[in-house]
Amino acid sequence: MSDSTVKTKLEFKMGMATREAFGRALAELGKENQDIVVLDADLSKSTYTNLFAKEFPERFFSCGISEANMVGIAAGLAASGKIPFVSSFACFLICKGFDQFRMSVAYPGFNVKAVATHSGISIGEDGPSQQGIEDIALVCALPGFIVSVPADEIATRALVRRAVEHRGPVYVRTGRPKVPILYSSDEEFQFGVAKKLADGSDAAVLACGLEVVEAVKAAEICQAEGIRVRVLDVHTVKPLDEEAVVAAARECGTIVTAEEHLLDGGFGSRVAALLGERCPTPLERVGIRDTYAESATPAELMDKYGLTAPHIVAAIRRALKKKQIPRPRSL
């Protein structure tokens, strides 16, 4: 686990959407690596892979609205030595392409990079048919996949680069709205190594993606009340930074997870499984509870479904109450 400089919310500067950061990073990486090829399912303007297409039209393939076929083509290109990137909205890329990811990418361990955009409910008014809230559960079930959920444009650029360098299947989850910049431009990222954004020992919040900035805000609210909260940006959901998670549990005594995804099978479920095996700890999970969302603005949805900083603060308070309950002597 690495430590990063703690920033207050007053220092946050709004950055670009992580999907745009992906597209710009991909166009830059295309200049460095001639083996990178990009496959599109008729959404290149939204996923920003059109930036790569403008620079390298000979390495850009339009597959139409045919996500499953696109994944199969990518597997063939990977078998031929290329580094294919497939991209679409999270709900389309994983839900429609899952069988091809399973049989043509995960099983042979091919070097395919999948970048999902418009994940979660922050896609907003497009409604539940466009909201990818099951994708982490699905892709984490695929053996051999690295699953990354960056929090800002800096993290996205760095982790897309790591995806190119890693030999094997990688899934990067990005979002639609613009997000605050949490990191300096020279911040280093490695898969499976969490970032500490705030230190504390009363409770720990582990977050990924858009929930990281909400976790930082929640820690600031708690600090004003004398509660010291550790915040970890767990940008790699699979593999987890097990040592950072276990250390947070042992040193803080209670854990809160935060994710823009269904609780079932998501990030919090993976943390719960790890803690159950290595360090049973009082736990609260913030996420979407067994339902599809509605159509509304991103801010309205994030509040209604309990994903904003005040909801994380409430979870921290519940976690602290659990921490005070005497635990069985066997634990």
Protein backbone atom coordinates (compact mmCIF):
# COMPACT_ATOMS: atom_id res chain seq x y z
CA MET A 1 0.00 0.00 0.00
CA SER A 2 1.31 3.46 -0.82
CA ASP A 3 0.51 6.75 0.92
CA SER A 4 -0.59 9.82 -1.00
CA THR A 5 -0.80 13.43 0.07
CA VAL A 6 -4.09 14.06 1.82
CA LYS A 7 -6.17 16.78 0.20
CA THR A 8 -9.15 18.63 1.55
CA LYS A 9 -12.27 19.10 -0.52
CA LEU A 10 -11.38 22.79 -0.88
CA GLU A 11 -8.36 21.74 -2.93
CA PHE A 12 -10.34 19.61 -5.36
CA LYS A 13 -10.37 20.78 -8.94
CA MET A 14 -12.94 19.35 -11.31
CA GLY A 15 -11.34 17.14 -13.92
CA MET A 16 -12.56 15.29 -16.98
CA ALA A 17 -14.73 12.20 -16.91
CA THR A 18 -12.79 8.97 -16.49
CA ARG A 19 -14.18 7.73 -19.83
CA GLU A 20 -12.62 10.75 -21.56
CA ALA A 21 -9.35 10.18 -19.72
CA PHE A 22 -9.40 6.62 -21.05
CA GLY A 23 -9.90 7.76 -24.64
CA ARG A 24 -7.10 10.31 -24.41
CA ALA A 25 -4.74 7.82 -22.77
CA LEU A 26 -5.49 5.26 -25.46
CA ALA A 27 -4.68 7.72 -28.26
CA GLU A 28 -1.37 8.54 -26.56
CA LEU A 29 -0.47 4.89 -26.01
CA GLY A 30 -1.24 4.14 -29.63
CA LYS A 31 1.77 6.25 -30.62
CA GLU A 32 4.05 4.20 -28.37
CA ASN A 33 2.81 0.71 -29.15
CA GLN A 34 1.95 -0.32 -32.69
CA ASP A 35 0.31 -3.54 -31.46
CA ILE A 36 -2.60 -1.71 -29.85
CA VAL A 37 -5.83 -2.06 -31.82
CA VAL A 38 -9.28 -0.77 -30.84
CA LEU A 39 -12.70 -2.27 -31.45
CA ASP A 40 -15.90 -0.25 -31.21
CA ALA A 41 -19.58 -1.14 -30.92
CA ASP A 42 -21.05 2.03 -32.43
CA LEU A 43 -20.40 4.25 -29.41
CA SER A 44 -16.94 5.65 -30.13
CA LYS A 45 -18.00 9.26 -29.57
CA SER A 46 -19.33 8.38 -26.12
CA THR A 47 -16.44 6.10 -25.12
CA TYR A 48 -13.91 8.54 -26.65
CA THR A 49 -12.26 5.79 -28.68
CA ASN A 50 -12.94 8.10 -31.64
CA LEU A 51 -9.75 9.91 -30.54
CA PHE A 52 -7.77 6.76 -31.31
CA ALA A 53 -9.68 6.29 -34.57
CA LYS A 54 -8.68 9.75 -35.79
CA GLU A 55 -5.00 9.06 -35.10
CA PHE A 56 -4.86 5.43 -36.22
CA PRO A 57 -7.76 4.58 -38.56
CA GLU A 58 -5.93 1.48 -39.81
CA ARG A 59 -5.96 0.06 -36.27
CA PHE A 60 -9.58 0.92 -35.45
CA PHE A 61 -12.38 -1.57 -36.20
CA SER A 62 -16.07 -0.69 -36.14
CA CYS A 63 -18.03 -3.81 -35.25
CA GLY A 64 -21.48 -2.23 -35.17
CA ILE A 65 -24.00 -2.88 -32.41
CA SER A 66 -22.59 -6.35 -31.88
CA GLU A 67 -20.76 -6.48 -28.56
CA ALA A 68 -20.48 -10.26 -28.33
CA ASN A 69 -19.04 -10.47 -31.84
CA MET A 70 -16.65 -7.63 -30.99
CA VAL A 71 -15.24 -9.59 -28.04
CA GLY A 72 -14.77 -12.65 -30.23
CA ILE A 73 -12.88 -10.63 -32.83
CA ALA A 74 -10.72 -9.16 -30.09
CA ALA A 75 -9.85 -12.66 -28.88
CA GLY A 76 -8.71 -13.55 -32.40
CA LEU A 77 -6.59 -10.42 -32.64
CA ALA A 78 -5.03 -11.20 -29.25
CA ALA A 79 -4.21 -14.71 -30.46
CA SER A 80 -2.39 -13.05 -33.36
CA GLY A 81 -0.21 -10.98 -31.06
CA LYS A 82 -2.16 -7.73 -30.98
CA ILE A 83 -3.26 -5.84 -27.86
CA PRO A 84 -6.97 -5.31 -28.51
CA PHE A 85 -9.08 -2.83 -26.54
CA VAL A 86 -12.84 -3.36 -26.63
CA SER A 87 -15.04 -0.61 -25.24
CA SER A 88 -18.71 0.15 -24.77
CA PHE A 89 -21.14 1.09 -22.01
CA ALA A 90 -20.65 -1.24 -19.02
CA CYS A 91 -24.14 -2.72 -19.30
CA PHE A 92 -23.63 -3.63 -22.96
CA LEU A 93 -20.00 -4.71 -22.88
CA ILE A 94 -20.29 -7.21 -20.04
CA CYS A 95 -23.93 -8.29 -20.13
CA LYS A 96 -23.97 -8.91 -23.89
CA GLY A 97 -20.39 -10.10 -24.20
CA PHE A 98 -20.14 -12.26 -21.08
CA ASP A 99 -20.13 -15.68 -22.75
CA GLN A 100 -17.46 -14.55 -25.21
CA PHE A 101 -15.39 -13.08 -22.38
CA ARG A 102 -15.72 -16.42 -20.57
CA MET A 103 -14.94 -18.82 -23.41
CA SER A 104 -12.75 -16.72 -25.73
CA VAL A 105 -10.83 -14.50 -23.30
CA ALA A 106 -10.81 -15.82 -19.72
CA TYR A 107 -10.46 -19.52 -20.51
CA PRO A 108 -7.46 -19.14 -22.86
CA GLY A 109 -6.15 -16.13 -20.86
CA PHE A 110 -5.93 -13.93 -23.93
CA ASN A 111 -4.44 -10.47 -23.77
CA VAL A 112 -7.71 -8.54 -24.26
CA LYS A 113 -8.37 -5.21 -22.55
CA ALA A 114 -12.00 -4.34 -21.83
CA VAL A 115 -12.82 -0.76 -20.88
CA ALA A 116 -16.39 -0.13 -19.76
CA THR A 117 -17.77 3.39 -19.79
CA HIS A 118 -21.00 4.89 -18.36
CA SER A 119 -20.91 2.48 -15.43
CA GLY A 120 -23.18 2.75 -12.41
CA ILE A 121 -26.19 4.97 -11.88
CA SER A 122 -24.28 8.21 -12.48
CA ILE A 123 -25.18 7.82 -16.15
CA GLY A 124 -28.35 9.50 -14.89
CA GLU A 125 -31.31 10.27 -17.09
CA ASP A 126 -30.62 7.47 -19.59
CA GLY A 127 -32.41 5.18 -17.18
CA PRO A 128 -31.95 1.65 -15.80
CA SER A 129 -31.56 -0.04 -19.19
CA GLN A 130 -28.29 1.87 -19.63
CA GLN A 131 -27.03 1.66 -16.04
CA GLY A 132 -24.33 -0.95 -15.53
CA ILE A 133 -24.61 -2.02 -11.90
CA GLU A 134 -23.85 -5.76 -12.16
CA ASP A 135 -20.62 -5.62 -14.15
CA ILE A 136 -18.12 -5.91 -11.28
CA ALA A 137 -19.85 -9.06 -10.02
CA LEU A 138 -19.82 -10.59 -13.50
CA VAL A 139 -16.25 -9.79 -14.49
CA CYS A 140 -14.79 -10.68 -11.07
CA ALA A 141 -16.24 -14.15 -11.62
CA LEU A 142 -13.98 -14.61 -14.65
CA PRO A 143 -10.69 -16.32 -13.69
CA GLY A 144 -7.53 -14.41 -14.53
CA PHE A 145 -9.13 -10.99 -15.03
CA ILE A 146 -7.71 -7.90 -13.36
CA VAL A 147 -10.58 -5.56 -12.46
CA SER A 148 -9.81 -1.87 -11.93
CA VAL A 149 -12.10 1.05 -11.00
CA PRO A 150 -10.16 4.34 -11.15
CA ALA A 151 -11.37 7.39 -9.21
CA ASP A 152 -10.16 10.28 -11.36
CA GLU A 153 -8.52 11.16 -14.67
CA ILE A 154 -4.97 10.74 -13.33
CA ALA A 155 -5.69 7.25 -12.02
CA THR A 156 -7.45 6.32 -15.25
CA ARG A 157 -4.56 7.33 -17.48
CA ALA A 158 -2.08 5.47 -15.29
CA LEU A 159 -4.15 2.30 -15.02
CA VAL A 160 -4.86 2.15 -18.75
CA ARG A 161 -1.11 2.26 -19.24
CA ARG A 162 -0.71 -0.56 -16.70
CA ALA A 163 -3.31 -2.52 -18.67
CA VAL A 164 -1.16 -2.32 -21.80
CA GLU A 165 1.92 -3.43 -19.86
CA HIS A 166 0.13 -6.36 -18.19
CA ARG A 167 -0.08 -9.54 -20.25
CA GLY A 168 -3.52 -10.99 -19.73
CA PRO A 169 -7.16 -9.88 -19.58
CA VAL A 170 -7.91 -6.56 -17.85
CA TYR A 171 -11.21 -4.80 -17.17
CA VAL A 172 -11.21 -1.04 -16.45
CA ARG A 173 -14.48 0.54 -15.29
CA THR A 174 -15.04 4.23 -16.08
CA GLY A 175 -17.91 6.66 -15.63
CA ARG A 176 -19.87 9.25 -17.52
CA PRO A 177 -19.74 12.46 -15.39
CA LYS A 178 -16.79 14.69 -14.81
CA VAL A 179 -15.07 13.99 -11.48
CA PRO A 180 -12.76 15.94 -9.14
CA ILE A 181 -9.02 15.42 -9.46
CA LEU A 182 -7.67 13.59 -6.41
CA TYR A 183 -4.09 12.97 -7.48
CA SER A 184 -1.12 14.90 -8.75
CA SER A 185 -0.08 14.24 -12.33
CA ASP A 186 2.99 12.24 -11.33
CA GLU A 187 1.18 9.79 -9.04
CA GLU A 188 2.23 6.19 -9.64
CA PHE A 189 -0.32 3.37 -9.76
CA GLN A 190 0.09 -0.39 -9.71
CA PHE A 191 -2.65 -2.98 -9.96
CA GLY A 192 -3.45 -4.41 -6.55
CA VAL A 193 -1.84 -1.60 -4.54
CA ALA A 194 -4.36 0.64 -2.76
CA LYS A 195 -3.85 4.35 -2.08
CA LYS A 196 -4.26 5.89 1.36
CA LEU A 197 -5.97 9.29 0.99
CA ALA A 198 -6.68 9.99 4.65
CA ASP A 199 -5.25 8.48 7.80
CA GLY A 200 -7.07 7.58 10.97
CA SER A 201 -7.63 4.74 13.38
CA ASP A 202 -11.25 5.03 14.51
CA ALA A 203 -12.71 3.54 11.31
CA ALA A 204 -11.65 2.86 7.73
CA VAL A 205 -13.57 3.54 4.53
CA LEU A 206 -12.54 1.50 1.51
CA ALA A 207 -13.91 2.92 -1.73
CA CYS A 208 -13.52 2.61 -5.49
CA GLY A 209 -14.43 4.78 -8.48
CA LEU A 210 -16.70 7.75 -7.97
CA GLU A 211 -17.20 6.80 -4.34
CA VAL A 212 -13.60 7.67 -3.42
CA VAL A 213 -14.21 11.42 -3.39
CA GLU A 214 -17.40 10.86 -1.40
CA ALA A 215 -15.39 8.84 1.12
CA VAL A 216 -12.86 11.66 1.46
CA LYS A 217 -15.69 14.14 2.06
CA ALA A 218 -17.19 11.77 4.64
CA ALA A 219 -13.86 11.55 6.46
CA GLU A 220 -13.69 15.33 6.62
CA ILE A 221 -17.17 15.51 8.11
CA CYS A 222 -16.19 12.92 10.71
CA GLN A 223 -12.95 14.70 11.50
CA ALA A 224 -14.92 17.80 12.47
CA GLU A 225 -16.71 15.59 14.99
CA GLY A 226 -13.46 14.18 16.36
CA ILE A 227 -13.71 10.86 14.51
CA ARG A 228 -10.52 9.93 12.68
CA VAL A 229 -11.26 7.96 9.53
CA ARG A 230 -8.80 6.23 7.24
CA VAL A 231 -9.72 6.36 3.54
CA LEU A 232 -8.32 3.89 1.03
CA ASP A 233 -8.79 4.20 -2.72
CA VAL A 234 -8.98 0.53 -3.66
CA HIS A 235 -8.71 1.14 -7.39
CA THR A 236 -8.09 -2.56 -8.07
CA VAL A 237 -11.08 -4.64 -7.02
CA LYS A 238 -9.41 -7.83 -8.25
CA PRO A 239 -6.86 -8.65 -6.99
CA LEU A 240 -7.53 -6.77 -3.77
CA ASP A 241 -4.68 -5.21 -1.82
CA GLU A 242 -5.17 -7.82 0.89
CA GLU A 243 -2.47 -6.49 3.19
CA ALA A 244 -3.91 -2.95 3.12
CA VAL A 245 -7.44 -4.20 3.80
CA VAL A 246 -6.35 -6.46 6.67
CA ALA A 247 -4.14 -3.73 8.16
CA ALA A 248 -7.07 -1.29 8.07
CA ALA A 249 -9.26 -3.84 9.82
CA ARG A 250 -6.71 -4.58 12.53
CA GLU A 251 -5.68 -0.98 13.14
CA CYS A 252 -9.13 0.67 12.85
CA GLY A 253 -11.33 -2.10 14.18
CA THR A 254 -14.21 -1.50 11.79
CA ILE A 255 -14.61 -1.18 8.01
CA VAL A 256 -17.00 0.65 5.67
CA THR A 257 -16.98 -0.10 1.94
CA ALA A 258 -18.41 2.24 -0.72
CA GLU A 259 -19.16 1.42 -4.35
CA GLU A 260 -21.45 2.54 -7.19
CA HIS A 261 -22.61 -1.01 -7.86
CA LEU A 262 -25.01 -3.59 -6.50
CA LEU A 263 -23.94 -4.83 -3.08
CA ASP A 264 -24.47 -8.42 -4.20
CA GLY A 265 -21.22 -9.65 -5.72
CA GLY A 266 -19.56 -6.27 -5.80
CA PHE A 267 -16.53 -4.66 -4.19
CA GLY A 268 -17.95 -4.81 -0.67
CA SER A 269 -18.70 -8.50 -1.07
CA ARG A 270 -15.07 -9.17 -1.99
CA VAL A 271 -13.86 -7.21 1.05
CA ALA A 272 -16.33 -9.09 3.29
CA ALA A 273 -15.08 -12.44 2.01
CA LEU A 274 -11.46 -11.45 2.62
CA LEU A 275 -12.17 -10.21 6.15
CA GLY A 276 -14.14 -13.36 6.91
CA GLU A 277 -11.13 -15.46 5.94
CA ARG A 278 -8.32 -13.40 7.44
CA CYS A 279 -9.60 -10.86 9.96
CA PRO A 280 -13.31 -10.94 10.98
CA THR A 281 -14.22 -7.29 11.52
CA PRO A 282 -17.43 -5.24 11.98
CA LEU A 283 -18.44 -4.13 8.48
CA GLU A 284 -20.91 -1.74 6.83
CA ARG A 285 -21.37 -1.66 3.07
CA VAL A 286 -22.54 1.36 1.04
CA GLY A 287 -23.89 0.52 -2.39
CA ILE A 288 -27.05 -0.22 -4.36
CA ARG A 289 -29.34 -2.59 -2.47
CA ASP A 290 -30.96 -5.27 -4.65
CA THR A 291 -32.80 -2.94 -6.99
CA TYR A 292 -32.54 -1.16 -10.31
CA ALA A 293 -32.49 2.61 -10.16
CA GLU A 294 -34.76 5.15 -11.82
CA SER A 295 -34.21 7.87 -14.38
CA ALA A 296 -33.07 11.14 -12.81
CA THR A 297 -30.04 13.41 -12.61
CA PRO A 298 -26.82 11.79 -11.37
CA ALA A 299 -26.92 13.85 -8.17
CA GLU A 300 -30.51 12.86 -7.45
CA LEU A 301 -29.77 9.18 -8.02
CA MET A 302 -26.58 9.15 -5.96
CA ASP A 303 -28.48 10.66 -3.04
CA LYS A 304 -31.63 8.54 -3.37
CA TYR A 305 -29.69 5.28 -3.52
CA GLY A 306 -27.45 6.18 -0.60
CA LEU A 307 -24.11 6.82 -2.28
CA THR A 308 -23.20 10.36 -1.18
CA ALA A 309 -20.92 11.46 1.66
CA PRO A 310 -23.69 11.88 4.28
CA HIS A 311 -24.74 8.26 3.68
CA ILE A 312 -21.13 7.12 4.17
CA VAL A 313 -20.98 9.14 7.40
CA ALA A 314 -24.12 7.35 8.60
CA ALA A 315 -22.49 4.02 7.74
CA ILE A 316 -19.37 5.02 9.69
CA ARG A 317 -21.52 5.77 12.73
CA ARG A 318 -23.25 2.39 12.45
CA ALA A 319 -19.87 0.71 12.09
CA LEU A 320 -18.55 2.47 15.20
CA LYS A 321 -21.53 1.16 17.18
CA LYS A 322 -20.75 -2.38 16.00
CA LYS A 323 -17.15 -1.87 17.05
CA GLN A 324 -18.29 -1.19 20.62
CA ILE A 325 -20.21 -4.47 20.86
CA PRO A 326 -18.14 -7.07 22.73
CA ARG A 327 -16.95 -9.74 20.30
CA PRO A 328 -16.99 -13.49 21.04
CA ARG A 329 -13.84 -14.61 22.80
CA SER A 330 -13.14 -17.05 19.99
CA LEU A 331 -12.55 -14.10 17.65
